[in-house]
Protein backbone atom coordinates (compact mmCIF):
# COMPACT_ATOMS: atom_id res chain seq x y z
CA UNK A 1 -28.09 3.53 -9.39
CA UNK A 2 -24.12 5.21 -9.23
CA UNK A 3 -21.21 6.58 -7.35
CA UNK A 4 -21.33 10.73 -7.98
CA UNK A 5 -18.29 12.35 -8.55
CA UNK A 6 -17.52 16.05 -9.63
CA UNK A 7 -20.60 16.12 -11.16
CA UNK A 8 -20.79 13.38 -12.87
CA UNK A 9 -22.77 9.88 -12.49
CA UNK A 10 -20.55 7.06 -12.59
CA UNK A 11 -21.26 2.97 -13.41
CA UNK A 12 -21.24 1.69 -10.13
CA UNK A 13 -19.29 -0.86 -8.65
CA UNK A 14 -20.54 -2.76 -5.83
CA UNK A 15 -22.06 -5.18 -8.23
CA UNK A 16 -18.09 -5.44 -9.71
CA UNK A 17 -17.20 -7.49 -6.36
CA UNK A 18 -15.76 -10.87 -6.79
CA UNK A 19 -15.14 -13.63 -3.87
CA UNK A 20 -12.57 -15.99 -4.55
CA UNK A 21 -10.93 -18.92 -2.59
CA UNK A 22 -7.80 -21.16 -3.47
CA UNK A 23 -6.81 -23.56 -1.45
CA UNK A 24 -4.17 -26.66 -3.06
CA UNK A 25 -1.01 -28.63 -2.11
CA UNK A 26 1.18 -26.59 -4.19
CA UNK A 27 1.05 -22.87 -5.73
CA UNK A 28 -1.13 -22.44 -8.89
CA UNK A 29 -0.12 -20.00 -11.62
CA UNK A 30 -2.96 -18.14 -13.34
CA UNK A 31 -3.05 -16.89 -16.81
CA UNK A 32 -0.79 -13.31 -17.78
CA UNK A 33 -3.05 -10.38 -18.00
CA UNK A 34 -3.81 -7.11 -17.98
CA UNK A 35 -6.91 -4.98 -17.89
CA UNK A 36 -7.70 -1.74 -18.69
CA UNK A 37 -9.40 -0.30 -15.32
CA UNK A 38 -7.88 -0.28 -11.72
CA UNK A 39 -7.84 -3.64 -10.17
CA UNK A 40 -8.27 -3.74 -6.23
CA UNK A 41 -7.42 -6.96 -4.45
CA UNK A 42 -7.69 -7.36 -0.81
CA UNK A 43 -6.62 -10.53 1.10
CA UNK A 44 -8.65 -11.83 3.36
CA UNK A 45 -6.53 -14.59 4.45
CA UNK A 46 -3.75 -16.41 2.96
CA UNK A 47 -1.04 -15.17 0.67
CA UNK A 48 -1.36 -13.64 -2.78
CA UNK A 49 1.12 -12.73 -5.51
CA UNK A 50 1.51 -10.91 -8.16
CA UNK A 51 4.72 -11.18 -10.44
CA UNK A 52 4.92 -8.21 -12.93
CA UNK A 53 6.66 -8.62 -16.49
CA UNK A 54 9.48 -6.61 -15.39
CA UNK A 55 9.98 -9.87 -12.80
CA UNK A 56 9.38 -7.81 -9.87
CA UNK A 57 7.10 -9.57 -6.69
CA UNK A 58 4.02 -7.83 -5.41
CA UNK A 59 3.23 -9.72 -2.04
CA UNK A 60 -0.14 -9.31 0.03
CA UNK A 61 -1.10 -11.37 3.12
CA UNK A 62 -3.45 -11.06 5.84
CA UNK A 63 -5.52 -7.75 5.23
CA UNK A 64 -3.02 -6.46 2.70
CA UNK A 65 -4.12 -5.15 -0.42
CA UNK A 66 -2.74 -4.62 -4.10
CA UNK A 67 -4.02 -1.93 -6.53
CA UNK A 68 -3.06 -2.65 -9.94
CA UNK A 69 -3.12 0.21 -12.34
CA UNK A 70 -4.41 0.06 -16.07
CA UNK A 71 -2.24 -1.50 -17.99
CA UNK A 72 -0.04 -3.62 -15.44
CA UNK A 73 0.70 -6.96 -16.91
CA UNK A 74 0.70 -9.55 -14.32
CA UNK A 75 0.63 -13.31 -13.25
CA UNK A 76 -0.71 -14.40 -10.15
CA UNK A 77 0.37 -16.86 -7.81
CA UNK A 78 -1.29 -18.81 -4.49
CA UNK A 79 -2.45 -21.46 -3.07
CA UNK A 80 -4.21 -20.77 -0.49
CA UNK A 81 -5.87 -17.74 0.33
CA UNK A 82 -9.14 -15.99 0.41
CA UNK A 83 -9.61 -12.88 -1.47
CA UNK A 84 -11.95 -9.93 -2.89
CA UNK A 85 -11.52 -8.11 -5.54
CA UNK A 86 -13.25 -5.38 -7.46
CA UNK A 87 -12.51 -3.42 -10.69
CA UNK A 88 -12.92 0.37 -10.94
CA UNK A 89 -12.72 1.73 -14.42
CA UNK A 90 -9.96 4.49 -15.10
CA UNK A 91 -12.81 6.56 -15.94
CA UNK A 92 -14.06 7.76 -12.45
CA UNK A 93 -10.21 7.74 -10.99
CA UNK A 94 -9.49 10.14 -13.64
CA UNK A 95 -12.56 12.19 -12.74
CA UNK A 96 -11.93 11.90 -8.99
CA UNK A 97 -7.96 13.10 -9.46
CA UNK A 98 -9.36 16.14 -11.39
CA UNK A 99 -11.33 17.10 -8.57
CA UNK A 100 -8.57 16.57 -5.90
CA UNK A 101 -6.12 18.04 -8.58
CA UNK A 102 -4.09 15.62 -8.92
CA UNK A 103 -1.88 15.30 -12.18
CA UNK A 104 -0.85 12.22 -13.84
CA UNK A 105 3.08 12.04 -13.80
CA UNK A 106 4.24 9.17 -15.70
CA UNK A 107 3.10 5.35 -15.99
CA UNK A 108 1.98 4.55 -12.86
CA UNK A 109 3.30 1.86 -10.33
CA UNK A 110 1.26 -0.92 -8.87
CA UNK A 111 0.88 -0.43 -5.13
CA UNK A 112 0.88 -2.78 -1.95
CA UNK A 113 -0.76 -1.68 0.97
CA UNK A 114 -0.26 -3.25 4.34
CA UNK A 115 -3.01 -4.09 6.40
CA UNK A 116 -2.87 -1.22 8.73
CA UNK A 117 -2.82 0.74 5.86
CA UNK A 118 -5.77 3.49 5.79
CA UNK A 119 -6.48 2.84 2.37
CA UNK A 120 -6.33 -0.77 2.44
CA UNK A 121 -8.88 -0.94 5.47
CA UNK A 122 -11.05 1.01 3.43
CA UNK A 123 -10.81 -0.92 0.57
CA UNK A 124 -11.35 -3.68 3.24
CA UNK A 125 -14.93 -1.89 4.25
CA UNK A 126 -16.09 -1.23 1.07
CA UNK A 127 -15.87 -4.99 -0.08
CA UNK A 128 -17.39 -6.23 2.61
CA UNK A 129 -20.15 -3.95 2.48
CA UNK A 130 -20.83 -4.28 -1.37
CA UNK A 131 -20.07 -7.82 -1.01
CA UNK A 132 -23.27 -8.33 1.05
CA UNK A 133 -25.26 -7.28 -1.84
CA UNK A 134 -26.34 -3.48 -0.58
CA UNK A 135 -27.79 -0.96 -3.17
CA UNK A 136 -25.45 1.44 -3.92
CA UNK A 137 -28.88 3.60 -2.74
CA UNK A 138 -27.80 3.00 0.55
CA UNK A 139 -25.97 5.89 1.82
CA UNK A 140 -22.91 4.06 3.83
CA UNK A 141 -21.89 1.69 0.53
CA UNK A 142 -21.98 5.52 -1.59
CA UNK A 143 -19.83 6.83 0.86
CA UNK A 144 -17.02 3.75 1.19
CA UNK A 145 -17.41 3.62 -2.30
CA UNK A 146 -16.68 7.30 -3.39
CA UNK A 147 -14.06 7.84 -0.27
CA UNK A 148 -12.55 4.16 -1.82
CA UNK A 149 -12.05 5.99 -5.40
CA UNK A 150 -10.84 9.27 -4.20
CA UNK A 151 -8.47 7.23 -1.79
CA UNK A 152 -7.29 5.17 -5.28
CA UNK A 153 -7.07 8.54 -6.86
CA UNK A 154 -4.41 10.01 -4.22
CA UNK A 155 -2.57 7.10 -3.51
CA UNK A 156 -2.13 5.93 -7.49
CA UNK A 157 -1.77 9.63 -9.31
CA UNK A 158 -0.18 11.79 -6.62
CA UNK A 159 3.46 12.16 -7.70
CA UNK A 160 5.75 13.62 -4.64
CA UNK A 161 8.26 16.03 -6.00
CA UNK A 162 11.58 15.20 -6.69
CA UNK A 163 14.17 16.06 -3.37
CA UNK A 164 15.31 18.88 -5.19
CA UNK A 165 11.44 20.76 -4.95
CA UNK A 166 10.73 19.90 -1.46
CA UNK A 167 10.33 22.17 0.81
CA UNK A 168 13.70 22.77 2.43
CA UNK A 169 12.34 22.46 6.42
CA UNK A 170 10.64 18.55 5.00
CA UNK A 171 14.45 18.10 3.66
CA UNK A 172 15.77 18.70 7.09
CA UNK A 173 12.89 16.18 8.45
CA UNK A 174 14.23 13.35 5.72
CA UNK A 175 17.74 13.85 6.55
CA UNK A 176 16.87 13.37 10.33
CA UNK A 177 15.34 10.13 9.36
CA UNK A 178 17.87 9.21 7.20
CA UNK A 179 20.41 9.68 9.66
CA UNK A 180 18.25 8.32 12.85
CA UNK A 181 15.58 5.97 12.31
CA UNK A 182 17.59 4.23 14.76
CA UNK A 183 16.61 6.49 17.51
CA UNK A 184 12.74 7.42 19.08
CA UNK A 185 11.42 9.99 16.47
CA UNK A 186 8.67 11.83 17.77
CA UNK A 187 6.04 13.86 15.33
CA UNK A 188 7.09 16.65 18.22
CA UNK A 189 10.86 15.84 17.38
CA UNK A 190 10.23 16.11 13.72
CA UNK A 191 8.52 19.59 13.99
CA UNK A 192 11.05 21.07 16.01
CA UNK A 193 13.61 20.32 13.20
CA UNK A 194 11.61 21.79 10.56
CA UNK A 195 10.59 24.84 12.56
CA UNK A 196 7.19 24.07 11.92
CA UNK A 197 4.12 23.49 14.25
CA UNK A 198 2.73 19.42 14.29
CA UNK A 199 0.07 20.27 12.38
CA UNK A 200 1.84 22.16 9.74
CA UNK A 201 4.31 19.54 9.82
CA UNK A 202 1.48 16.81 9.31
CA UNK A 203 0.14 18.62 6.33
CA UNK A 204 3.04 19.80 4.39
CA UNK A 205 4.76 16.33 4.62
CA UNK A 206 1.85 14.65 3.91
CA UNK A 207 1.28 16.87 0.35
CA UNK A 208 4.91 16.78 -0.50
CA UNK A 209 5.80 13.39 0.52
CA UNK A 210 2.64 11.73 0.24
CA UNK A 211 2.76 9.83 3.41
CA UNK A 212 2.66 10.65 6.92
CA UNK A 213 5.99 11.55 8.48
CA UNK A 214 4.91 7.71 10.60
CA UNK A 215 4.37 5.64 7.99
CA UNK A 216 7.46 7.32 6.21
CA UNK A 217 10.01 6.72 9.06
CA UNK A 218 7.90 2.99 9.69
CA UNK A 219 9.06 2.11 5.83
CA UNK A 220 12.13 3.60 6.19
CA UNK A 221 13.06 0.95 8.84
CA UNK A 222 11.46 -1.71 7.32
CA UNK A 223 13.56 -1.29 4.26
CA UNK A 224 16.77 -1.00 6.28
CA UNK A 225 15.72 -4.26 8.65
CA UNK A 226 15.37 -5.83 5.27
CA UNK A 227 18.44 -5.05 4.06
CA UNK A 228 20.46 -6.44 7.26
CA UNK A 229 17.94 -9.88 6.35
CA UNK A 230 19.43 -10.11 3.22
CA UNK A 231 23.06 -9.74 4.15
CA UNK A 232 25.11 -12.88 4.10
CA UNK A 233 25.98 -12.61 7.98
CA UNK A 234 23.51 -11.27 9.80
CA UNK A 235 22.53 -10.92 13.34
CA UNK A 236 18.89 -12.22 15.00
CA UNK A 237 15.86 -11.06 13.99
CA UNK A 238 15.50 -9.19 17.64
CA UNK A 239 18.85 -7.72 16.91
CA UNK A 240 17.59 -6.17 13.32
CA UNK A 241 14.86 -5.00 14.95
CA UNK A 242 16.08 -2.93 17.55
CA UNK A 243 18.78 -1.74 15.28
CA UNK A 244 15.91 -0.70 12.63
CA UNK A 245 14.01 1.47 15.81
CA UNK A 246 11.42 -0.88 16.47
CA UNK A 247 11.38 -1.20 20.31
CA UNK A 248 8.42 -3.82 20.53
CA UNK A 249 9.51 -7.13 18.42
CA UNK A 250 5.88 -8.37 18.09
CA UNK A 251 4.70 -5.02 16.32
CA UNK A 252 7.86 -4.98 13.76
CA UNK A 253 6.82 -8.38 12.89
CA UNK A 254 3.64 -7.89 12.21
CA UNK A 255 4.56 -4.19 10.23
CA UNK A 256 7.47 -6.67 8.60
CA UNK A 257 4.61 -9.22 7.61
CA UNK A 258 2.12 -6.60 5.92
CA UNK A 259 4.83 -5.07 3.93
CA UNK A 260 6.78 -8.20 2.47
CA UNK A 261 4.00 -10.49 3.04
CA UNK A 262 6.04 -12.54 5.43
CA UNK A 263 7.80 -12.78 8.85
CA UNK A 264 11.40 -11.87 8.77
CA UNK A 265 12.73 -15.18 9.26
CA UNK A 266 10.63 -16.01 6.50
CA UNK A 267 12.19 -13.55 4.12
CA UNK A 268 15.79 -14.13 5.51
CA UNK A 269 15.18 -17.90 4.24
CA UNK A 270 13.93 -16.62 0.71
CA UNK A 271 16.70 -13.88 0.53
CA UNK A 272 19.66 -16.54 1.22
CA UNK A 273 17.46 -19.03 -1.35
CA UNK A 274 17.70 -15.99 -3.97
CA UNK A 275 13.89 -15.82 -4.11
CA UNK A 276 13.15 -12.17 -5.59
CA UNK A 277 10.72 -9.49 -3.10
CA UNK A 278 8.64 -6.53 -3.74
């Protein structure tokens, strides 16, 4: 039993999935800890917070996932949540990274993956299948395990070049997004700005920025919306959504919750009370 990556037999990971359920009247604060390996936490329902040693708060809820790299010192906080966790040996991620040709650039940062993120969905599928006790000899489990490891390696170890080293065409696209995030921007529009085909833009942009143009633009819009919601005097949530390029209020609310772990209205209240955010 095992997961074969780059001709190396790695320890099985399917039997490492742990399911947890917490329900209480008050927020429970766990022990401050760290692990030598990668810790993946997928939130089935509820809300989970990890406070880093720096004071930064990582929040995941309802389908979101948190990837903690080796050495991350965290204090978990939870009141009501059902979650699944798995530890993936750092050696396995290192081999996957080597296979993908991804060098490590400095200390790794924790990742918060929204429920709509493809890697979060992949982690969910793997955990759901593995938690049912299926054998690693099962082709489906092995495929999901391999894909999860490679996905975590790429997301955690890929370090996009600094702006000075980005392709000038990609810099034009990023500038267009920064200036025009309020407007309707399709991939075709951005491809014309770059002077590239749609396919070429998708390939080069993801390779250099580490996300698709749509993902990067959505993240940019959400960050701008969060900035407005944190302002002392802010318009309504609907006005914020429209001002930041979201034409569908429901879609904005879902994307915002996936990114920040709470609704835009809840975020504004917490911001007014001085609560920290990821």
